[in-house]
Structure formats: structure tokens, C-alpha cells
Amino acid sequence: SAIRGQGAFITVGAKWGLEGGKGRKTKLPI
């Protein structure tokens, strides 16, 4: 996901319950 001027991110495992259901979120590039 990304918003112009606010960076891009990858979020893994939100629906799998990682990090309390928030998923593991990392700023891109990795």
C-alpha cells in the first residue's frame, strides 16, 4: 500500500493474526 507523499509499505499476515492481527508491516524498499 502507498499514499502519494507518505511512503509505501508491505504488510504480511494481518489475516493470519500476526502482530495481534495488525500484520508485520515494513516500509519499502525492504
PDB file of all heavy atoms in Angstrom:
ATOM      1  N   SER A   1       0.829  -1.200   0.000  1.00  0.00           N
ATOM      2  CA  SER A   1       0.000   0.000   0.000  1.00  0.00           C
ATOM      3  C   SER A   1       0.861   1.247   0.000  1.00  0.00           C
ATOM      4  O   SER A   1       2.005   1.231   0.476  1.00  0.00           O
ATOM      5  CB  SER A   1      -0.938   0.008   1.215  1.00  0.00           C
ATOM      6  OG  SER A   1      -0.194   0.025   2.420  1.00  0.00           O
ATOM      7  N   ALA A   2       0.291   2.333  -0.546  1.00  0.00           N
ATOM      8  CA  ALA A   2       1.008   3.601  -0.588  1.00  0.00           C
ATOM      9  C   ALA A   2       0.032   4.745  -0.758  1.00  0.00           C
ATOM     10  O   ALA A   2      -1.040   4.593  -1.360  1.00  0.00           O
ATOM     11  CB  ALA A   2       2.024   3.613  -1.733  1.00  0.00           C
ATOM     12  N   ILE A   3       0.419   5.887  -0.227  1.00  0.00           N
ATOM     13  CA  ILE A   3      -0.264   7.159  -0.434  1.00  0.00           C
ATOM     14  C   ILE A   3       0.785   8.133  -0.941  1.00  0.00           C
ATOM     15  O   ILE A   3       1.908   8.174  -0.409  1.00  0.00           O
ATOM     16  CB  ILE A   3      -0.881   7.690   0.868  1.00  0.00           C
ATOM     17  CG1 ILE A   3      -1.885   6.691   1.446  1.00  0.00           C
ATOM     18  CG2 ILE A   3      -1.532   9.057   0.643  1.00  0.00           C
ATOM     19  CD1 ILE A   3      -2.366   7.058   2.849  1.00  0.00           C
ATOM     20  N   ARG A   4       0.445   8.898  -1.961  1.00  0.00           N
ATOM     21  CA  ARG A   4       1.410   9.834  -2.527  1.00  0.00           C
ATOM     22  C   ARG A   4       1.963  10.760  -1.430  1.00  0.00           C
ATOM     23  O   ARG A   4       1.219  11.395  -0.687  1.00  0.00           O
ATOM     24  CB  ARG A   4       0.778  10.677  -3.631  1.00  0.00           C
ATOM     25  CG  ARG A   4       1.802  11.525  -4.398  1.00  0.00           C
ATOM     26  CD  ARG A   4       1.130  12.552  -5.270  1.00  0.00           C
ATOM     27  NE  ARG A   4       0.240  11.939  -6.252  1.00  0.00           N
ATOM     28  CZ  ARG A   4      -0.560  12.658  -7.052  1.00  0.00           C
ATOM     29  NH1 ARG A   4      -0.599  13.969  -6.948  1.00  0.00           N
ATOM     30  NH2 ARG A   4      -1.325  12.045  -7.924  1.00  0.00           N
ATOM     31  N   GLY A   5       3.279  10.794  -1.330  1.00  0.00           N
ATOM     32  CA  GLY A   5       3.947  11.652  -0.361  1.00  0.00           C
ATOM     33  C   GLY A   5       4.058  11.077   1.029  1.00  0.00           C
ATOM     34  O   GLY A   5       4.611  11.721   1.931  1.00  0.00           O
ATOM     35  N   GLN A   6       3.550   9.839   1.229  1.00  0.00           N
ATOM     36  CA  GLN A   6       3.554   9.273   2.580  1.00  0.00           C
ATOM     37  C   GLN A   6       4.228   7.906   2.665  1.00  0.00           C
ATOM     38  O   GLN A   6       4.103   7.205   3.668  1.00  0.00           O
ATOM     39  CB  GLN A   6       2.115   9.182   3.104  1.00  0.00           C
ATOM     40  CG  GLN A   6       1.430  10.535   3.213  1.00  0.00           C
ATOM     41  CD  GLN A   6       0.045  10.455   3.812  1.00  0.00           C
ATOM     42  OE1 GLN A   6      -0.188   9.684   4.754  1.00  0.00           O
ATOM     43  NE2 GLN A   6      -0.889  11.229   3.286  1.00  0.00           N
ATOM     44  N   GLY A   7       4.941   7.509   1.625  1.00  0.00           N
ATOM     45  CA  GLY A   7       5.686   6.262   1.671  1.00  0.00           C
ATOM     46  C   GLY A   7       4.876   5.049   1.252  1.00  0.00           C
ATOM     47  O   GLY A   7       3.657   5.117   1.077  1.00  0.00           O
ATOM     48  N   ALA A   8       5.583   3.941   1.091  1.00  0.00           N
ATOM     49  CA  ALA A   8       4.972   2.670   0.675  1.00  0.00           C
ATOM     50  C   ALA A   8       5.335   1.599   1.691  1.00  0.00           C
ATOM     51  O   ALA A   8       6.415   1.627   2.294  1.00  0.00           O
ATOM     52  CB  ALA A   8       5.468   2.275  -0.712  1.00  0.00           C
ATOM     53  N   PHE A   9       4.427   0.628   1.832  1.00  0.00           N
ATOM     54  CA  PHE A   9       4.599  -0.381   2.872  1.00  0.00           C
ATOM     55  C   PHE A   9       4.130  -1.749   2.375  1.00  0.00           C
ATOM     56  O   PHE A   9       3.281  -1.856   1.493  1.00  0.00           O
ATOM     57  CB  PHE A   9       3.787   0.004   4.121  1.00  0.00           C
ATOM     58  CG  PHE A   9       4.201   1.313   4.725  1.00  0.00           C
ATOM     59  CD1 PHE A   9       3.646   2.501   4.266  1.00  0.00           C
ATOM     60  CD2 PHE A   9       5.156   1.361   5.721  1.00  0.00           C
ATOM     61  CE1 PHE A   9       4.039   3.722   4.802  1.00  0.00           C
ATOM     62  CE2 PHE A   9       5.558   2.568   6.262  1.00  0.00           C
ATOM     63  CZ  PHE A   9       4.996   3.754   5.798  1.00  0.00           C
ATOM     64  N   ILE A  10       4.693  -2.787   2.984  1.00  0.00           N
ATOM     65  CA  ILE A  10       4.212  -4.156   2.812  1.00  0.00           C
ATOM     66  C   ILE A  10       3.771  -4.650   4.177  1.00  0.00           C
ATOM     67  O   ILE A  10       4.477  -4.468   5.181  1.00  0.00           O
ATOM     68  CB  ILE A  10       5.302  -5.066   2.204  1.00  0.00           C
ATOM     69  CG1 ILE A  10       4.789  -6.494   2.061  1.00  0.00           C
ATOM     70  CG2 ILE A  10       6.593  -5.038   3.024  1.00  0.00           C
ATOM     71  CD1 ILE A  10       5.763  -7.425   1.340  1.00  0.00           C
ATOM     72  N   THR A  11       2.575  -5.254   4.221  1.00  0.00           N
ATOM     73  CA  THR A  11       2.041  -5.807   5.467  1.00  0.00           C
ATOM     74  C   THR A  11       1.724  -7.271   5.215  1.00  0.00           C
ATOM     75  O   THR A  11       0.933  -7.608   4.333  1.00  0.00           O
ATOM     76  CB  THR A  11       0.773  -5.062   5.902  1.00  0.00           C
ATOM     77  OG1 THR A  11       1.060  -3.670   6.022  1.00  0.00           O
ATOM     78  CG2 THR A  11       0.278  -5.597   7.233  1.00  0.00           C
ATOM     79  N   VAL A  12       2.338  -8.140   5.996  1.00  0.00           N
ATOM     80  CA  VAL A  12       2.199  -9.581   5.827  1.00  0.00           C
ATOM     81  C   VAL A  12       1.511 -10.183   7.043  1.00  0.00           C
ATOM     82  O   VAL A  12       1.859  -9.877   8.182  1.00  0.00           O
ATOM     83  CB  VAL A  12       3.578 -10.247   5.620  1.00  0.00           C
ATOM     84  CG1 VAL A  12       3.432 -11.761   5.492  1.00  0.00           C
ATOM     85  CG2 VAL A  12       4.281  -9.668   4.403  1.00  0.00           C
ATOM     86  N   GLY A  13       0.514 -11.024   6.794  1.00  0.00           N
ATOM     87  CA  GLY A  13      -0.047 -11.858   7.847  1.00  0.00           C
ATOM     88  C   GLY A  13      -1.088 -11.210   8.729  1.00  0.00           C
ATOM     89  O   GLY A  13      -1.390 -11.745   9.805  1.00  0.00           O
ATOM     90  N   ALA A  14      -1.691 -10.106   8.310  1.00  0.00           N
ATOM     91  CA  ALA A  14      -2.720  -9.482   9.152  1.00  0.00           C
ATOM     92  C   ALA A  14      -3.897 -10.427   9.368  1.00  0.00           C
ATOM     93  O   ALA A  14      -4.410 -10.569  10.484  1.00  0.00           O
ATOM     94  CB  ALA A  14      -3.181  -8.174   8.525  1.00  0.00           C
ATOM     95  N   LYS A  15      -4.340 -11.079   8.293  1.00  0.00           N
ATOM     96  CA  LYS A  15      -5.468 -12.005   8.408  1.00  0.00           C
ATOM     97  C   LYS A  15      -5.062 -13.325   9.050  1.00  0.00           C
ATOM     98  O   LYS A  15      -5.920 -14.107   9.485  1.00  0.00           O
ATOM     99  CB  LYS A  15      -6.085 -12.248   7.026  1.00  0.00           C
ATOM    100  CG  LYS A  15      -6.728 -11.003   6.426  1.00  0.00           C
ATOM    101  CD  LYS A  15      -7.800 -10.438   7.334  1.00  0.00           C
ATOM    102  CE  LYS A  15      -8.378  -9.153   6.830  1.00  0.00           C
ATOM    103  NZ  LYS A  15      -9.372  -8.566   7.760  1.00  0.00           N
ATOM    104  N   TRP A  16      -3.757 -13.578   9.101  1.00  0.00           N
ATOM    105  CA  TRP A  16      -3.267 -14.781   9.781  1.00  0.00           C
ATOM    106  C   TRP A  16      -3.099 -14.547  11.278  1.00  0.00           C
ATOM    107  O   TRP A  16      -2.773 -15.483  12.012  1.00  0.00           O
ATOM    108  CB  TRP A  16      -1.926 -15.209   9.189  1.00  0.00           C
ATOM    109  CG  TRP A  16      -1.993 -15.659   7.766  1.00  0.00           C
ATOM    110  CD1 TRP A  16      -3.099 -16.015   7.058  1.00  0.00           C
ATOM    111  CD2 TRP A  16      -0.885 -15.795   6.865  1.00  0.00           C
ATOM    112  NE1 TRP A  16      -2.761 -16.373   5.764  1.00  0.00           N
ATOM    113  CE2 TRP A  16      -1.409 -16.245   5.617  1.00  0.00           C
ATOM    114  CE3 TRP A  16       0.480 -15.589   6.968  1.00  0.00           C
ATOM    115  CZ2 TRP A  16      -0.601 -16.489   4.510  1.00  0.00           C
ATOM    116  CZ3 TRP A  16       1.286 -15.825   5.866  1.00  0.00           C
ATOM    117  CH2 TRP A  16       0.750 -16.273   4.646  1.00  0.00           C
ATOM    118  N   GLY A  17      -3.249 -13.298  11.719  1.00  0.00           N
ATOM    119  CA  GLY A  17      -3.153 -12.997  13.143  1.00  0.00           C
ATOM    120  C   GLY A  17      -1.789 -12.548  13.611  1.00  0.00           C
ATOM    121  O   GLY A  17      -1.574 -12.405  14.825  1.00  0.00           O
ATOM    122  N   LEU A  18      -0.851 -12.297  12.687  1.00  0.00           N
ATOM    123  CA  LEU A  18       0.467 -11.825  13.108  1.00  0.00           C
ATOM    124  C   LEU A  18       0.363 -10.447  13.755  1.00  0.00           C
ATOM    125  O   LEU A  18      -0.466  -9.618  13.370  1.00  0.00           O
ATOM    126  CB  LEU A  18       1.414 -11.740  11.908  1.00  0.00           C
ATOM    127  CG  LEU A  18       1.879 -13.050  11.262  1.00  0.00           C
ATOM    128  CD1 LEU A  18       2.866 -12.760  10.153  1.00  0.00           C
ATOM    129  CD2 LEU A  18       2.496 -13.983  12.292  1.00  0.00           C
ATOM    130  N   GLU A  19       1.220 -10.233  14.738  1.00  0.00           N
ATOM    131  CA  GLU A  19       1.282  -8.945  15.454  1.00  0.00           C
ATOM    132  C   GLU A  19      -0.104  -8.528  15.957  1.00  0.00           C
ATOM    133  O   GLU A  19      -0.524  -7.378  15.811  1.00  0.00           O
ATOM    134  CB  GLU A  19       1.861  -7.856  14.542  1.00  0.00           C
ATOM    135  CG  GLU A  19       3.205  -8.169  13.918  1.00  0.00           C
ATOM    136  CD  GLU A  19       4.320  -8.280  14.947  1.00  0.00           C
ATOM    137  OE1 GLU A  19       4.173  -7.721  16.048  1.00  0.00           O
ATOM    138  OE2 GLU A  19       5.354  -8.922  14.644  1.00  0.00           O
ATOM    139  N   GLY A  20      -0.788  -9.484  16.551  1.00  0.00           N
ATOM    140  CA  GLY A  20      -2.096  -9.184  17.120  1.00  0.00           C
ATOM    141  C   GLY A  20      -3.151  -8.842  16.091  1.00  0.00           C
ATOM    142  O   GLY A  20      -4.123  -8.131  16.391  1.00  0.00           O
ATOM    143  N   GLY A  21      -2.975  -9.339  14.872  1.00  0.00           N
ATOM    144  CA  GLY A  21      -3.934  -9.075  13.804  1.00  0.00           C
ATOM    145  C   GLY A  21      -3.615  -7.850  12.976  1.00  0.00           C
ATOM    146  O   GLY A  21      -4.319  -7.560  12.002  1.00  0.00           O
ATOM    147  N   LYS A  22      -2.550  -7.142  13.330  1.00  0.00           N
ATOM    148  CA  LYS A  22      -2.143  -5.971  12.545  1.00  0.00           C
ATOM    149  C   LYS A  22      -1.211  -6.346  11.400  1.00  0.00           C
ATOM    150  O   LYS A  22      -1.036  -5.569  10.460  1.00  0.00           O
ATOM    151  CB  LYS A  22      -1.452  -4.946  13.445  1.00  0.00           C
ATOM    152  CG  LYS A  22      -2.357  -4.328  14.492  1.00  0.00           C
ATOM    153  CD  LYS A  22      -1.611  -3.299  15.324  1.00  0.00           C
ATOM    154  CE  LYS A  22      -2.533  -2.665  16.360  1.00  0.00           C
ATOM    155  NZ  LYS A  22      -1.808  -1.658  17.187  1.00  0.00           N
ATOM    156  N   GLY A  23      -0.622  -7.527  11.471  1.00  0.00           N
ATOM    157  CA  GLY A  23       0.323  -7.955  10.457  1.00  0.00           C
ATOM    158  C   GLY A  23       1.706  -7.363  10.689  1.00  0.00           C
ATOM    159  O   GLY A  23       1.888  -6.431  11.471  1.00  0.00           O
ATOM    160  N   ARG A  24       2.679  -7.927  10.008  1.00  0.00           N
ATOM    161  CA  ARG A  24       4.055  -7.422  10.092  1.00  0.00           C
ATOM    162  C   ARG A  24       4.248  -6.382   8.998  1.00  0.00           C
ATOM    163  O   ARG A  24       4.293  -6.700   7.823  1.00  0.00           O
ATOM    164  CB  ARG A  24       5.055  -8.577   9.932  1.00  0.00           C
ATOM    165  CG  ARG A  24       6.501  -8.158  10.142  1.00  0.00           C
ATOM    166  CD  ARG A  24       7.438  -9.354  10.117  1.00  0.00           C
ATOM    167  NE  ARG A  24       7.453  -9.994   8.822  1.00  0.00           N
ATOM    168  CZ  ARG A  24       6.985 -11.224   8.591  1.00  0.00           C
ATOM    169  NH1 ARG A  24       6.450 -11.933   9.565  1.00  0.00           N
ATOM    170  NH2 ARG A  24       7.036 -11.743   7.380  1.00  0.00           N
ATOM    171  N   LYS A  25       4.345  -5.131   9.391  1.00  0.00           N
ATOM    172  CA  LYS A  25       4.389  -4.010   8.453  1.00  0.00           C
ATOM    173  C   LYS A  25       5.811  -3.488   8.306  1.00  0.00           C
ATOM    174  O   LYS A  25       6.486  -3.213   9.295  1.00  0.00           O
ATOM    175  CB  LYS A  25       3.468  -2.883   8.929  1.00  0.00           C
ATOM    176  CG  LYS A  25       3.282  -1.751   7.928  1.00  0.00           C
ATOM    177  CD  LYS A  25       2.225  -0.777   8.433  1.00  0.00           C
ATOM    178  CE  LYS A  25       1.938   0.327   7.425  1.00  0.00           C
ATOM    179  NZ  LYS A  25       0.874   1.244   7.906  1.00  0.00           N
ATOM    180  N   THR A  26       6.252  -3.375   7.047  1.00  0.00           N
ATOM    181  CA  THR A  26       7.619  -2.946   6.758  1.00  0.00           C
ATOM    182  C   THR A  26       7.584  -1.857   5.697  1.00  0.00           C
ATOM    183  O   THR A  26       6.869  -1.969   4.699  1.00  0.00           O
ATOM    184  CB  THR A  26       8.461  -4.122   6.232  1.00  0.00           C
ATOM    185  OG1 THR A  26       8.403  -5.200   7.177  1.00  0.00           O
ATOM    186  CG2 THR A  26       9.906  -3.710   6.012  1.00  0.00           C
ATOM    187  N   LYS A  27       8.358  -0.813   5.915  1.00  0.00           N
ATOM    188  CA  LYS A  27       8.455   0.257   4.914  1.00  0.00           C
ATOM    189  C   LYS A  27       9.244  -0.250   3.712  1.00  0.00           C
ATOM    190  O   LYS A  27      10.211  -1.007   3.859  1.00  0.00           O
ATOM    191  CB  LYS A  27       9.146   1.486   5.506  1.00  0.00           C
ATOM    192  CG  LYS A  27       8.975   2.760   4.683  1.00  0.00           C
ATOM    193  CD  LYS A  27       9.555   3.964   5.424  1.00  0.00           C
ATOM    194  CE  LYS A  27       9.132   5.262   4.743  1.00  0.00           C
ATOM    195  NZ  LYS A  27       9.545   5.374   3.358  1.00  0.00           N
ATOM    196  N   LEU A  28       8.815   0.167   2.532  1.00  0.00           N
ATOM    197  CA  LEU A  28       9.503  -0.208   1.306  1.00  0.00           C
ATOM    198  C   LEU A  28      10.451   0.904   0.865  1.00  0.00           C
ATOM    199  O   LEU A  28      10.160   2.079   1.056  1.00  0.00           O
ATOM    200  CB  LEU A  28       8.491  -0.495   0.198  1.00  0.00           C
ATOM    201  CG  LEU A  28       7.537  -1.666   0.451  1.00  0.00           C
ATOM    202  CD1 LEU A  28       6.562  -1.818  -0.723  1.00  0.00           C
ATOM    203  CD2 LEU A  28       8.296  -2.965   0.678  1.00  0.00           C
ATOM    204  N   PRO A  29      11.592   0.517   0.266  1.00  0.00           N
ATOM    205  CA  PRO A  29      12.021  -0.856  -0.012  1.00  0.00           C
ATOM    206  C   PRO A  29      12.397  -1.596   1.265  1.00  0.00           C
ATOM    207  O   PRO A  29      12.650  -0.972   2.300  1.00  0.00           O
ATOM    208  CB  PRO A  29      13.239  -0.661  -0.930  1.00  0.00           C
ATOM    209  CG  PRO A  29      13.785   0.672  -0.527  1.00  0.00           C
ATOM    210  CD  PRO A  29      12.593   1.512  -0.187  1.00  0.00           C
ATOM    211  N   ILE A  30      12.445  -2.924   1.180  1.00  0.00           N
ATOM    212  CA  ILE A  30      12.711  -3.732   2.367  1.00  0.00           C
ATOM    213  C   ILE A  30      14.102  -3.465   2.917  1.00  0.00           C
ATOM    214  O   ILE A  30      14.292  -3.376   4.133  1.00  0.00           O
ATOM    215  CB  ILE A  30      12.519  -5.224   2.039  1.00  0.00           C
ATOM    216  CG1 ILE A  30      11.033  -5.497   1.729  1.00  0.00           C
ATOM    217  CG2 ILE A  30      12.989  -6.102   3.183  1.00  0.00           C
ATOM    218  CD1 ILE A  30      10.760  -6.880   1.200  1.00  0.00           C
TER     219      ILE A  30
END
